[in-house]
Amino acid sequence: MLLVLLVFGSNVAAASDEGEFTGCDAPRSKVDQAVCADPELRGLRVRMEGLLDTIHAGTLHTNGDTGVMVYGPLKKQVTKSQVAWFKDMSRCQDRACMIKKFHSRIAALEGLVEKLP
């Protein structure tokens, strides 16, 4: 559960109004430490977090029977794939690998955003 919050939750790794990654107060993982130390990686992280927030908001809808706000199945799918992405990203040994992983993830998320209703 904690891993999901680290990779998907905007409360743990959020972007400020200026677009700066703000999850660097106490970076826990090797990935977060590298992101916090590198302006380009921080920018990519902010872009990815923005896309995740858009998908998160885009999957929220009202249940017609109960009137309760619920998330569609895409949120669960994206959360699961984000956890897998983070594990894969954690295997990176250098900056170039991390940049490649961020660009690949951003492209995948942009494709999902385009399909939102």
PDB file of N, CA and C in Angstrom:
ATOM      1  N   MET A   1       0.822  -1.195   0.000  1.00  0.00           N
ATOM      2  CA  MET A   1       0.000   0.000   0.000  1.00  0.00           C
ATOM      3  C   MET A   1       0.859   1.250   0.000  1.00  0.00           C
ATOM      4  N   LEU A   2       1.929   1.268   0.795  1.00  0.00           N
ATOM      5  CA  LEU A   2       2.795   2.431   0.858  1.00  0.00           C
ATOM      6  C   LEU A   2       3.443   2.699  -0.492  1.00  0.00           C
ATOM      7  N   LEU A   3       3.866   1.641  -1.184  1.00  0.00           N
ATOM      8  CA  LEU A   3       4.480   1.813  -2.487  1.00  0.00           C
ATOM      9  C   LEU A   3       3.528   2.495  -3.450  1.00  0.00           C
ATOM     10  N   VAL A   4       2.265   2.131  -3.417  1.00  0.00           N
ATOM     11  CA  VAL A   4       1.278   2.761  -4.282  1.00  0.00           C
ATOM     12  C   VAL A   4       1.197   4.250  -3.983  1.00  0.00           C
ATOM     13  N   LEU A   5       1.221   4.611  -2.712  1.00  0.00           N
ATOM     14  CA  LEU A   5       1.181   6.027  -2.356  1.00  0.00           C
ATOM     15  C   LEU A   5       2.408   6.756  -2.854  1.00  0.00           C
ATOM     16  N   LEU A   6       3.551   6.127  -2.796  1.00  0.00           N
ATOM     17  CA  LEU A   6       4.769   6.772  -3.254  1.00  0.00           C
ATOM     18  C   LEU A   6       4.764   7.007  -4.753  1.00  0.00           C
ATOM     19  N   VAL A   7       4.165   6.103  -5.501  1.00  0.00           N
ATOM     20  CA  VAL A   7       4.226   6.238  -6.948  1.00  0.00           C
ATOM     21  C   VAL A   7       2.967   6.828  -7.553  1.00  0.00           C
ATOM     22  N   PHE A   8       1.900   6.913  -6.802  1.00  0.00           N
ATOM     23  CA  PHE A   8       0.662   7.420  -7.384  1.00  0.00           C
ATOM     24  C   PHE A   8       0.031   8.523  -6.564  1.00  0.00           C
ATOM     25  N   GLY A   9       0.271   8.548  -5.280  1.00  0.00           N
ATOM     26  CA  GLY A   9      -0.424   9.493  -4.414  1.00  0.00           C
ATOM     27  C   GLY A   9       0.154  10.881  -4.479  1.00  0.00           C
ATOM     28  N   SER A  10      -0.668  11.857  -4.780  1.00  0.00           N
ATOM     29  CA  SER A  10      -0.180  13.221  -4.870  1.00  0.00           C
ATOM     30  C   SER A  10       0.111  13.800  -3.500  1.00  0.00           C
ATOM     31  N   ASN A  11      -0.336  13.167  -2.418  1.00  0.00           N
ATOM     32  CA  ASN A  11      -0.023  13.671  -1.085  1.00  0.00           C
ATOM     33  C   ASN A  11       1.424  13.400  -0.708  1.00  0.00           C
ATOM     34  N   VAL A  12       2.008  12.355  -1.232  1.00  0.00           N
ATOM     35  CA  VAL A  12       3.367  11.998  -0.870  1.00  0.00           C
ATOM     36  C   VAL A  12       4.371  12.652  -1.804  1.00  0.00           C
ATOM     37  N   ALA A  13       4.113  12.590  -3.073  1.00  0.00           N
ATOM     38  CA  ALA A  13       5.025  13.155  -4.066  1.00  0.00           C
ATOM     39  C   ALA A  13       4.228  14.102  -4.949  1.00  0.00           C
ATOM     40  N   ALA A  14       4.099  15.309  -4.510  1.00  0.00           N
ATOM     41  CA  ALA A  14       3.225  16.257  -5.190  1.00  0.00           C
ATOM     42  C   ALA A  14       4.012  17.286  -5.969  1.00  0.00           C
ATOM     43  N   ALA A  15       3.301  17.956  -6.850  1.00  0.00           N
ATOM     44  CA  ALA A  15       3.876  19.080  -7.574  1.00  0.00           C
ATOM     45  C   ALA A  15       3.282  20.355  -6.996  1.00  0.00           C
ATOM     46  N   SER A  16       4.121  21.350  -6.843  1.00  0.00           N
ATOM     47  CA  SER A  16       3.627  22.625  -6.341  1.00  0.00           C
ATOM     48  C   SER A  16       2.935  23.377  -7.458  1.00  0.00           C
ATOM     49  N   ASP A  17       2.353  24.530  -7.136  1.00  0.00           N
ATOM     50  CA  ASP A  17       1.690  25.343  -8.151  1.00  0.00           C
ATOM     51  C   ASP A  17       2.670  25.784  -9.227  1.00  0.00           C
ATOM     52  N   GLU A  18       3.940  25.904  -8.862  1.00  0.00           N
ATOM     53  CA  GLU A  18       4.951  26.309  -9.832  1.00  0.00           C
ATOM     54  C   GLU A  18       5.436  25.133 -10.671  1.00  0.00           C
ATOM     55  N   GLY A  19       4.945  23.934 -10.407  1.00  0.00           N
ATOM     56  CA  GLY A  19       5.332  22.764 -11.174  1.00  0.00           C
ATOM     57  C   GLY A  19       6.583  22.089 -10.653  1.00  0.00           C
ATOM     58  N   GLU A  20       7.066  22.469  -9.482  1.00  0.00           N
ATOM     59  CA  GLU A  20       8.261  21.859  -8.929  1.00  0.00           C
ATOM     60  C   GLU A  20       7.896  20.630  -8.110  1.00  0.00           C
ATOM     61  N   PHE A  21       8.652  19.571  -8.265  1.00  0.00           N
ATOM     62  CA  PHE A  21       8.446  18.357  -7.493  1.00  0.00           C
ATOM     63  C   PHE A  21       8.728  18.659  -6.029  1.00  0.00           C
ATOM     64  N   THR A  22       7.804  18.300  -5.149  1.00  0.00           N
ATOM     65  CA  THR A  22       7.961  18.647  -3.735  1.00  0.00           C
ATOM     66  C   THR A  22       8.090  17.435  -2.829  1.00  0.00           C
ATOM     67  N   GLY A  23       8.408  16.288  -3.363  1.00  0.00           N
ATOM     68  CA  GLY A  23       8.562  15.085  -2.557  1.00  0.00           C
ATOM     69  C   GLY A  23       9.985  14.869  -2.084  1.00  0.00           C
ATOM     70  N   CYS A  24      10.775  15.928  -1.978  1.00  0.00           N
ATOM     71  CA  CYS A  24      12.193  15.796  -1.672  1.00  0.00           C
ATOM     72  C   CYS A  24      12.563  16.121  -0.234  1.00  0.00           C
ATOM     73  N   ASP A  25      11.587  16.317   0.628  1.00  0.00           N
ATOM     74  CA  ASP A  25      11.910  16.609   2.019  1.00  0.00           C
ATOM     75  C   ASP A  25      12.660  15.453   2.673  1.00  0.00           C
ATOM     76  N   ALA A  26      12.247  14.252   2.380  1.00  0.00           N
ATOM     77  CA  ALA A  26      12.904  13.065   2.928  1.00  0.00           C
ATOM     78  C   ALA A  26      12.801  11.929   1.918  1.00  0.00           C
ATOM     79  N   PRO A  27      13.528  12.052   0.789  1.00  0.00           N
ATOM     80  CA  PRO A  27      13.433  10.997  -0.234  1.00  0.00           C
ATOM     81  C   PRO A  27      13.868   9.653   0.339  1.00  0.00           C
ATOM     82  N   ARG A  28      13.038   8.647   0.125  1.00  0.00           N
ATOM     83  CA  ARG A  28      13.275   7.338   0.742  1.00  0.00           C
ATOM     84  C   ARG A  28      13.973   6.362  -0.187  1.00  0.00           C
ATOM     85  N   SER A  29      13.624   6.386  -1.445  1.00  0.00           N
ATOM     86  CA  SER A  29      14.173   5.392  -2.363  1.00  0.00           C
ATOM     87  C   SER A  29      15.348   5.979  -3.154  1.00  0.00           C
ATOM     88  N   LYS A  30      16.102   5.078  -3.759  1.00  0.00           N
ATOM     89  CA  LYS A  30      17.204   5.461  -4.637  1.00  0.00           C
ATOM     90  C   LYS A  30      16.675   6.330  -5.779  1.00  0.00           C
ATOM     91  N   VAL A  31      15.510   5.971  -6.301  1.00  0.00           N
ATOM     92  CA  VAL A  31      14.898   6.732  -7.389  1.00  0.00           C
ATOM     93  C   VAL A  31      14.567   8.152  -6.918  1.00  0.00           C
ATOM     94  N   ASP A  32      13.909   8.272  -5.776  1.00  0.00           N
ATOM     95  CA  ASP A  32      13.542   9.596  -5.280  1.00  0.00           C
ATOM     96  C   ASP A  32      14.777  10.441  -4.976  1.00  0.00           C
ATOM     97  N   GLN A  33      15.827   9.829  -4.461  1.00  0.00           N
ATOM     98  CA  GLN A  33      17.060  10.564  -4.191  1.00  0.00           C
ATOM     99  C   GLN A  33      17.656  11.111  -5.488  1.00  0.00           C
ATOM    100  N   ALA A  34      17.666  10.288  -6.532  1.00  0.00           N
ATOM    101  CA  ALA A  34      18.198  10.730  -7.823  1.00  0.00           C
ATOM    102  C   ALA A  34      17.328  11.831  -8.421  1.00  0.00           C
ATOM    103  N   VAL A  35      16.005  11.670  -8.332  1.00  0.00           N
ATOM    104  CA  VAL A  35      15.078  12.672  -8.859  1.00  0.00           C
ATOM    105  C   VAL A  35      15.286  14.005  -8.132  1.00  0.00           C
ATOM    106  N   CYS A  36      15.423  13.957  -6.843  1.00  0.00           N
ATOM    107  CA  CYS A  36      15.579  15.174  -6.053  1.00  0.00           C
ATOM    108  C   CYS A  36      16.889  15.894  -6.348  1.00  0.00           C
ATOM    109  N   ALA A  37      17.885  15.157  -6.766  1.00  0.00           N
ATOM    110  CA  ALA A  37      19.199  15.745  -7.022  1.00  0.00           C
ATOM    111  C   ALA A  37      19.350  16.276  -8.444  1.00  0.00           C
ATOM    112  N   ASP A  38      18.373  16.038  -9.305  1.00  0.00           N
ATOM    113  CA  ASP A  38      18.530  16.359 -10.726  1.00  0.00           C
ATOM    114  C   ASP A  38      17.330  17.150 -11.245  1.00  0.00           C
ATOM    115  N   PRO A  39      17.536  18.390 -11.674  1.00  0.00           N
ATOM    116  CA  PRO A  39      16.416  19.214 -12.149  1.00  0.00           C
ATOM    117  C   PRO A  39      15.651  18.606 -13.332  1.00  0.00           C
ATOM    118  N   GLU A  40      16.350  17.955 -14.251  1.00  0.00           N
ATOM    119  CA  GLU A  40      15.647  17.353 -15.393  1.00  0.00           C
ATOM    120  C   GLU A  40      14.765  16.193 -14.945  1.00  0.00           C
ATOM    121  N   LEU A  41      15.291  15.349 -14.077  1.00  0.00           N
ATOM    122  CA  LEU A  41      14.484  14.241 -13.557  1.00  0.00           C
ATOM    123  C   LEU A  41      13.296  14.756 -12.756  1.00  0.00           C
ATOM    124  N   ARG A  42      13.500  15.818 -11.964  1.00  0.00           N
ATOM    125  CA  ARG A  42      12.379  16.410 -11.217  1.00  0.00           C
ATOM    126  C   ARG A  42      11.307  16.898 -12.174  1.00  0.00           C
ATOM    127  N   GLY A  43      11.727  17.534 -13.267  1.00  0.00           N
ATOM    128  CA  GLY A  43      10.760  18.012 -14.253  1.00  0.00           C
ATOM    129  C   GLY A  43       9.968  16.873 -14.882  1.00  0.00           C
ATOM    130  N   LEU A  44      10.641  15.783 -15.180  1.00  0.00           N
ATOM    131  CA  LEU A  44       9.950  14.617 -15.736  1.00  0.00           C
ATOM    132  C   LEU A  44       8.992  14.025 -14.717  1.00  0.00           C
ATOM    133  N   ARG A  45       9.410  14.003 -13.460  1.00  0.00           N
ATOM    134  CA  ARG A  45       8.540  13.481 -12.404  1.00  0.00           C
ATOM    135  C   ARG A  45       7.284  14.346 -12.259  1.00  0.00           C
ATOM    136  N   VAL A  46       7.465  15.665 -12.311  1.00  0.00           N
ATOM    137  CA  VAL A  46       6.320  16.581 -12.229  1.00  0.00           C
ATOM    138  C   VAL A  46       5.361  16.327 -13.388  1.00  0.00           C
ATOM    139  N   ARG A  47       5.914  16.163 -14.584  1.00  0.00           N
ATOM    140  CA  ARG A  47       5.070  15.893 -15.767  1.00  0.00           C
ATOM    141  C   ARG A  47       4.302  14.588 -15.591  1.00  0.00           C
ATOM    142  N   MET A  48       4.976  13.548 -15.131  1.00  0.00           N
ATOM    143  CA  MET A  48       4.320  12.261 -14.919  1.00  0.00           C
ATOM    144  C   MET A  48       3.238  12.370 -13.847  1.00  0.00           C
ATOM    145  N   GLU A  49       3.546  13.032 -12.737  1.00  0.00           N
ATOM    146  CA  GLU A  49       2.563  13.193 -11.661  1.00  0.00           C
ATOM    147  C   GLU A  49       1.332  13.954 -12.155  1.00  0.00           C
ATOM    148  N   GLY A  50       1.550  14.968 -13.001  1.00  0.00           N
ATOM    149  CA  GLY A  50       0.415  15.704 -13.567  1.00  0.00           C
ATOM    150  C   GLY A  50      -0.485  14.810 -14.404  1.00  0.00           C
ATOM    151  N   LEU A  51       0.120  13.952 -15.197  1.00  0.00           N
ATOM    152  CA  LEU A  51      -0.659  13.009 -16.004  1.00  0.00           C
ATOM    153  C   LEU A  51      -1.408  12.017 -15.114  1.00  0.00           C
ATOM    154  N   LEU A  52      -0.751  11.544 -14.078  1.00  0.00           N
ATOM    155  CA  LEU A  52      -1.418  10.629 -13.148  1.00  0.00           C
ATOM    156  C   LEU A  52      -2.602  11.316 -12.469  1.00  0.00           C
ATOM    157  N   ASP A  53      -2.423  12.579 -12.084  1.00  0.00           N
ATOM    158  CA  ASP A  53      -3.530  13.327 -11.476  1.00  0.00           C
ATOM    159  C   ASP A  53      -4.691  13.488 -12.452  1.00  0.00           C
ATOM    160  N   THR A  54      -4.373  13.752 -13.724  1.00  0.00           N
ATOM    161  CA  THR A  54      -5.415  13.896 -14.748  1.00  0.00           C
ATOM    162  C   THR A  54      -6.183  12.586 -14.926  1.00  0.00           C
ATOM    163  N   ILE A  55      -5.456  11.483 -14.988  1.00  0.00           N
ATOM    164  CA  ILE A  55      -6.104  10.171 -15.124  1.00  0.00           C
ATOM    165  C   ILE A  55      -6.942   9.874 -13.889  1.00  0.00           C
ATOM    166  N   HIS A  56      -6.385  10.139 -12.736  1.00  0.00           N
ATOM    167  CA  HIS A  56      -7.098   9.911 -11.482  1.00  0.00           C
ATOM    168  C   HIS A  56      -8.424  10.675 -11.479  1.00  0.00           C
ATOM    169  N   ALA A  57      -8.364  11.956 -11.815  1.00  0.00           N
ATOM    170  CA  ALA A  57      -9.580  12.777 -11.846  1.00  0.00           C
ATOM    171  C   ALA A  57     -10.539  12.314 -12.940  1.00  0.00           C
ATOM    172  N   GLY A  58      -9.986  11.875 -14.065  1.00  0.00           N
ATOM    173  CA  GLY A  58     -10.813  11.456 -15.190  1.00  0.00           C
ATOM    174  C   GLY A  58     -11.523  10.135 -14.983  1.00  0.00           C
ATOM    175  N   THR A  59     -11.083   9.357 -14.011  1.00  0.00           N
ATOM    176  CA  THR A  59     -11.735   8.069 -13.757  1.00  0.00           C
ATOM    177  C   THR A  59     -12.793   8.168 -12.668  1.00  0.00           C
ATOM    178  N   LEU A  60     -12.878   9.311 -12.016  1.00  0.00           N
ATOM    179  CA  LEU A  60     -13.856   9.512 -10.945  1.00  0.00           C
ATOM    180  C   LEU A  60     -15.220   9.829 -11.556  1.00  0.00           C
ATOM    181  N   HIS A  61     -16.232   9.117 -11.125  1.00  0.00           N
ATOM    182  CA  HIS A  61     -17.587   9.367 -11.627  1.00  0.00           C
ATOM    183  C   HIS A  61     -18.612   9.024 -10.537  1.00  0.00           C
ATOM    184  N   THR A  62     -19.822   9.427 -10.759  1.00  0.00           N
ATOM    185  CA  THR A  62     -20.892   9.156  -9.809  1.00  0.00           C
ATOM    186  C   THR A  62     -21.586   7.853 -10.155  1.00  0.00           C
ATOM    187  N   ASN A  63     -21.731   6.988  -9.169  1.00  0.00           N
ATOM    188  CA  ASN A  63     -22.459   5.749  -9.345  1.00  0.00           C
ATOM    189  C   ASN A  63     -23.933   6.105  -9.507  1.00  0.00           C
ATOM    190  N   GLY A  64     -24.525   5.688 -10.614  1.00  0.00           N
ATOM    191  CA  GLY A  64     -25.908   6.022 -10.907  1.00  0.00           C
ATOM    192  C   GLY A  64     -26.920   5.467  -9.909  1.00  0.00           C
ATOM    193  N   ASP A  65     -26.604   4.335  -9.287  1.00  0.00           N
ATOM    194  CA  ASP A  65     -27.518   3.721  -8.332  1.00  0.00           C
ATOM    195  C   ASP A  65     -27.456   4.370  -6.950  1.00  0.00           C
ATOM    196  N   THR A  66     -26.236   4.719  -6.524  1.00  0.00           N
ATOM    197  CA  THR A  66     -26.079   5.199  -5.161  1.00  0.00           C
ATOM    198  C   THR A  66     -25.783   6.687  -5.066  1.00  0.00           C
ATOM    199  N   GLY A  67     -25.336   7.285  -6.163  1.00  0.00           N
ATOM    200  CA  GLY A  67     -24.945   8.691  -6.137  1.00  0.00           C
ATOM    201  C   GLY A  67     -23.591   8.921  -5.487  1.00  0.00           C
ATOM    202  N   VAL A  68     -22.883   7.849  -5.164  1.00  0.00           N
ATOM    203  CA  VAL A  68     -21.570   7.935  -4.520  1.00  0.00           C
ATOM    204  C   VAL A  68     -20.494   8.083  -5.596  1.00  0.00           C
ATOM    205  N   MET A  69     -19.486   8.916  -5.309  1.00  0.00           N
ATOM    206  CA  MET A  69     -18.369   9.068  -6.229  1.00  0.00           C
ATOM    207  C   MET A  69     -17.492   7.820  -6.143  1.00  0.00           C
ATOM    208  N   VAL A  70     -17.203   7.214  -7.285  1.00  0.00           N
ATOM    209  CA  VAL A  70     -16.371   6.011  -7.349  1.00  0.00           C
ATOM    210  C   VAL A  70     -15.371   6.157  -8.489  1.00  0.00           C
ATOM    211  N   TYR A  71     -14.333   5.369  -8.403  1.00  0.00           N
ATOM    212  CA  TYR A  71     -13.331   5.355  -9.467  1.00  0.00           C
ATOM    213  C   TYR A  71     -13.631   4.224 -10.428  1.00  0.00           C
ATOM    214  N   GLY A  72     -13.383   4.484 -11.719  1.00  0.00           N
ATOM    215  CA  GLY A  72     -13.548   3.459 -12.725  1.00  0.00           C
ATOM    216  C   GLY A  72     -12.387   2.480 -12.703  1.00  0.00           C
ATOM    217  N   PRO A  73     -12.481   1.412 -13.477  1.00  0.00           N
ATOM    218  CA  PRO A  73     -11.451   0.365 -13.470  1.00  0.00           C
ATOM    219  C   PRO A  73     -10.093   0.855 -13.967  1.00  0.00           C
ATOM    220  N   LEU A  74     -10.072   1.935 -14.727  1.00  0.00           N
ATOM    221  CA  LEU A  74      -8.801   2.444 -15.235  1.00  0.00           C
ATOM    222  C   LEU A  74      -7.871   2.866 -14.098  1.00  0.00           C
ATOM    223  N   LYS A  75      -8.422   3.401 -13.018  1.00  0.00           N
ATOM    224  CA  LYS A  75      -7.580   3.831 -11.895  1.00  0.00           C
ATOM    225  C   LYS A  75      -6.810   2.648 -11.327  1.00  0.00           C
ATOM    226  N   LYS A  76      -7.482   1.536 -11.126  1.00  0.00           N
ATOM    227  CA  LYS A  76      -6.817   0.342 -10.589  1.00  0.00           C
ATOM    228  C   LYS A  76      -5.742  -0.152 -11.559  1.00  0.00           C
ATOM    229  N   GLN A  77      -6.064  -0.135 -12.842  1.00  0.00           N
ATOM    230  CA  GLN A  77      -5.114  -0.570 -13.865  1.00  0.00           C
ATOM    231  C   GLN A  77      -3.876   0.339 -13.861  1.00  0.00           C
ATOM    232  N   VAL A  78      -4.088   1.642 -13.799  1.00  0.00           N
ATOM    233  CA  VAL A  78      -2.973   2.586 -13.820  1.00  0.00           C
ATOM    234  C   VAL A  78      -2.143   2.463 -12.542  1.00  0.00           C
ATOM    235  N   THR A  79      -2.792   2.301 -11.412  1.00  0.00           N
ATOM    236  CA  THR A  79      -2.067   2.139 -10.153  1.00  0.00           C
ATOM    237  C   THR A  79      -1.194   0.900 -10.207  1.00  0.00           C
ATOM    238  N   LYS A  80      -1.738  -0.195 -10.695  1.00  0.00           N
ATOM    239  CA  LYS A  80      -0.981  -1.442 -10.799  1.00  0.00           C
ATOM    240  C   LYS A  80       0.207  -1.274 -11.756  1.00  0.00           C
ATOM    241  N   SER A  81      -0.024  -0.641 -12.890  1.00  0.00           N
ATOM    242  CA  SER A  81       1.067  -0.458 -13.841  1.00  0.00           C
ATOM    243  C   SER A  81       2.098   0.547 -13.316  1.00  0.00           C
ATOM    244  N   GLN A  82       1.663   1.508 -12.494  1.00  0.00           N
ATOM    245  CA  GLN A  82       2.600   2.466 -11.916  1.00  0.00           C
ATOM    246  C   GLN A  82       3.519   1.785 -10.906  1.00  0.00           C
ATOM    247  N   VAL A  83       2.981   0.867 -10.138  1.00  0.00           N
ATOM    248  CA  VAL A  83       3.807   0.102  -9.198  1.00  0.00           C
ATOM    249  C   VAL A  83       4.851  -0.712  -9.971  1.00  0.00           C
ATOM    250  N   ALA A  84       4.425  -1.348 -11.059  1.00  0.00           N
ATOM    251  CA  ALA A  84       5.353  -2.128 -11.886  1.00  0.00           C
ATOM    252  C   ALA A  84       6.416  -1.216 -12.499  1.00  0.00           C
ATOM    253  N   TRP A  85       5.995  -0.040 -12.963  1.00  0.00           N
ATOM    254  CA  TRP A  85       6.941   0.922 -13.530  1.00  0.00           C
ATOM    255  C   TRP A  85       7.970   1.331 -12.481  1.00  0.00           C
ATOM    256  N   PHE A  86       7.526   1.632 -11.267  1.00  0.00           N
ATOM    257  CA  PHE A  86       8.434   2.061 -10.215  1.00  0.00           C
ATOM    258  C   PHE A  86       9.457   0.968  -9.893  1.00  0.00           C
ATOM    259  N   LYS A  87       9.014  -0.278  -9.842  1.00  0.00           N
ATOM    260  CA  LYS A  87       9.942  -1.388  -9.595  1.00  0.00           C
ATOM    261  C   LYS A  87      10.970  -1.475 -10.717  1.00  0.00           C
ATOM    262  N   ASP A  88      10.507  -1.327 -11.958  1.00  0.00           N
ATOM    263  CA  ASP A  88      11.406  -1.344 -13.109  1.00  0.00           C
ATOM    264  C   ASP A  88      12.373  -0.161 -13.052  1.00  0.00           C
ATOM    265  N   MET A  89      11.861   1.009 -12.730  1.00  0.00           N
ATOM    266  CA  MET A  89      12.690   2.213 -12.628  1.00  0.00           C
ATOM    267  C   MET A  89      13.748   2.043 -11.543  1.00  0.00           C
ATOM    268  N   SER A  90      13.418   1.335 -10.484  1.00  0.00           N
ATOM    269  CA  SER A  90      14.353   1.127  -9.375  1.00  0.00           C
ATOM    270  C   SER A  90      15.572   0.304  -9.777  1.00  0.00           C
ATOM    271  N   ARG A  91      15.472  -0.387 -10.898  1.00  0.00           N
ATOM    272  CA  ARG A  91      16.603  -1.174 -11.388  1.00  0.00           C
ATOM    273  C   ARG A  91      17.620  -0.331 -12.145  1.00  0.00           C
ATOM    274  N   CYS A  92      17.248   0.903 -12.479  1.00  0.00           N
ATOM    275  CA  CYS A  92      18.159   1.775 -13.225  1.00  0.00           C
ATOM    276  C   CYS A  92      19.416   2.044 -12.411  1.00  0.00           C
ATOM    277  N   GLN A  93      20.535   2.006 -13.087  1.00  0.00           N
ATOM    278  CA  GLN A  93      21.823   2.255 -12.441  1.00  0.00           C
ATOM    279  C   GLN A  93      22.401   3.619 -12.813  1.00  0.00           C
ATOM    280  N   ASP A  94      21.745   4.311 -13.767  1.00  0.00           N
ATOM    281  CA  ASP A  94      22.275   5.609 -14.158  1.00  0.00           C
ATOM    282  C   ASP A  94      21.154   6.542 -14.604  1.00  0.00           C
ATOM    283  N   ARG A  95      21.519   7.788 -14.765  1.00  0.00           N
ATOM    284  CA  ARG A  95      20.583   8.850 -15.122  1.00  0.00           C
ATOM    285  C   ARG A  95      19.926   8.596 -16.486  1.00  0.00           C
ATOM    286  N   ALA A  96      20.714   8.138 -17.451  1.00  0.00           N
ATOM    287  CA  ALA A  96      20.188   7.899 -18.801  1.00  0.00           C
ATOM    288  C   ALA A  96      19.057   6.869 -18.772  1.00  0.00           C
ATOM    289  N   CYS A  97      19.224   5.837 -17.994  1.00  0.00           N
ATOM    290  CA  CYS A  97      18.182   4.821 -17.852  1.00  0.00           C
ATOM    291  C   CYS A  97      16.923   5.434 -17.250  1.00  0.00           C
ATOM    292  N   MET A  98      17.091   6.253 -16.216  1.00  0.00           N
ATOM    293  CA  MET A  98      15.944   6.867 -15.556  1.00  0.00           C
ATOM    294  C   MET A  98      15.201   7.806 -16.511  1.00  0.00           C
ATOM    295  N   ILE A  99      15.941   8.570 -17.283  1.00  0.00           N
ATOM    296  CA  ILE A  99      15.309   9.474 -18.257  1.00  0.00           C
ATOM    297  C   ILE A  99      14.510   8.665 -19.270  1.00  0.00           C
ATOM    298  N   LYS A 100      15.094   7.580 -19.756  1.00  0.00           N
ATOM    299  CA  LYS A 100      14.403   6.713 -20.726  1.00  0.00           C
ATOM    300  C   LYS A 100      13.115   6.151 -20.121  1.00  0.00           C
ATOM    301  N   LYS A 101      13.186   5.683 -18.871  1.00  0.00           N
ATOM    302  CA  LYS A 101      11.998   5.123 -18.207  1.00  0.00           C
ATOM    303  C   LYS A 101      10.918   6.187 -18.011  1.00  0.00           C
ATOM    304  N   PHE A 102      11.320   7.391 -17.611  1.00  0.00           N
ATOM    305  CA  PHE A 102      10.345   8.470 -17.458  1.00  0.00           C
ATOM    306  C   PHE A 102       9.667   8.781 -18.795  1.00  0.00           C
ATOM    307  N   HIS A 103      10.458   8.914 -19.857  1.00  0.00           N
ATOM    308  CA  HIS A 103       9.866   9.243 -21.160  1.00  0.00           C
ATOM    309  C   HIS A 103       8.905   8.153 -21.632  1.00  0.00           C
ATOM    310  N   SER A 104       9.271   6.915 -21.411  1.00  0.00           N
ATOM    311  CA  SER A 104       8.400   5.807 -21.799  1.00  0.00           C
ATOM    312  C   SER A 104       7.092   5.840 -21.002  1.00  0.00           C
ATOM    313  N   ARG A 105       7.187   6.071 -19.711  1.00  0.00           N
ATOM    314  CA  ARG A 105       5.984   6.115 -18.863  1.00  0.00           C
ATOM    315  C   ARG A 105       5.111   7.308 -19.216  1.00  0.00           C
ATOM    316  N   ILE A 106       5.720   8.451 -19.440  1.00  0.00           N
ATOM    317  CA  ILE A 106       4.968   9.648 -19.815  1.00  0.00           C
ATOM    318  C   ILE A 106       4.218   9.419 -21.114  1.00  0.00           C
ATOM    319  N   ALA A 107       4.870   8.801 -22.095  1.00  0.00           N
ATOM    320  CA  ALA A 107       4.200   8.516 -23.372  1.00  0.00           C
ATOM    321  C   ALA A 107       3.001   7.588 -23.158  1.00  0.00           C
ATOM    322  N   ALA A 108       3.164   6.570 -22.322  1.00  0.00           N
ATOM    323  CA  ALA A 108       2.056   5.647 -22.045  1.00  0.00           C
ATOM    324  C   ALA A 108       0.904   6.377 -21.361  1.00  0.00           C
ATOM    325  N   LEU A 109       1.225   7.227 -20.393  1.00  0.00           N
ATOM    326  CA  LEU A 109       0.175   7.967 -19.674  1.00  0.00           C
ATOM    327  C   LEU A 109      -0.510   8.976 -20.583  1.00  0.00           C
ATOM    328  N   GLU A 110       0.243   9.621 -21.457  1.00  0.00           N
ATOM    329  CA  GLU A 110      -0.369  10.564 -22.404  1.00  0.00           C
ATOM    330  C   GLU A 110      -1.376   9.849 -23.301  1.00  0.00           C
ATOM    331  N   GLY A 111      -1.051   8.619 -23.688  1.00  0.00           N
ATOM    332  CA  GLY A 111      -1.985   7.824 -24.490  1.00  0.00           C
ATOM    333  C   GLY A 111      -3.268   7.540 -23.730  1.00  0.00           C
ATOM    334  N   LEU A 112      -3.168   7.291 -22.439  1.00  0.00           N
ATOM    335  CA  LEU A 112      -4.364   7.045 -21.635  1.00  0.00           C
ATOM    336  C   LEU A 112      -5.172   8.337 -21.446  1.00  0.00           C
ATOM    337  N   VAL A 113      -4.502   9.443 -21.254  1.00  0.00           N
ATOM    338  CA  VAL A 113      -5.194  10.724 -21.082  1.00  0.00           C
ATOM    339  C   VAL A 113      -6.014  11.048 -22.334  1.00  0.00           C
ATOM    340  N   GLU A 114      -5.450  10.773 -23.504  1.00  0.00           N
ATOM    341  CA  GLU A 114      -6.162  11.044 -24.759  1.00  0.00           C
ATOM    342  C   GLU A 114      -7.459  10.239 -24.879  1.00  0.00           C
ATOM    343  N   LYS A 115      -7.516   9.101 -24.212  1.00  0.00           N
ATOM    344  CA  LYS A 115      -8.693   8.229 -24.292  1.00  0.00           C
ATOM    345  C   LYS A 115      -9.733   8.499 -23.210  1.00  0.00           C
ATOM    346  N   LEU A 116      -9.411   9.416 -22.287  1.00  0.00           N
ATOM    347  CA  LEU A 116     -10.392   9.725 -21.221  1.00  0.00           C
ATOM    348  C   LEU A 116     -11.630  10.379 -21.826  1.00  0.00           C
ATOM    349  N   PRO A 117     -12.800  10.105 -21.235  1.00  0.00           N
ATOM    350  CA  PRO A 117     -14.035  10.720 -21.754  1.00  0.00           C
ATOM    351  C   PRO A 117     -14.059  12.223 -21.534  1.00  0.00           C
TER     352      PRO A 117
END
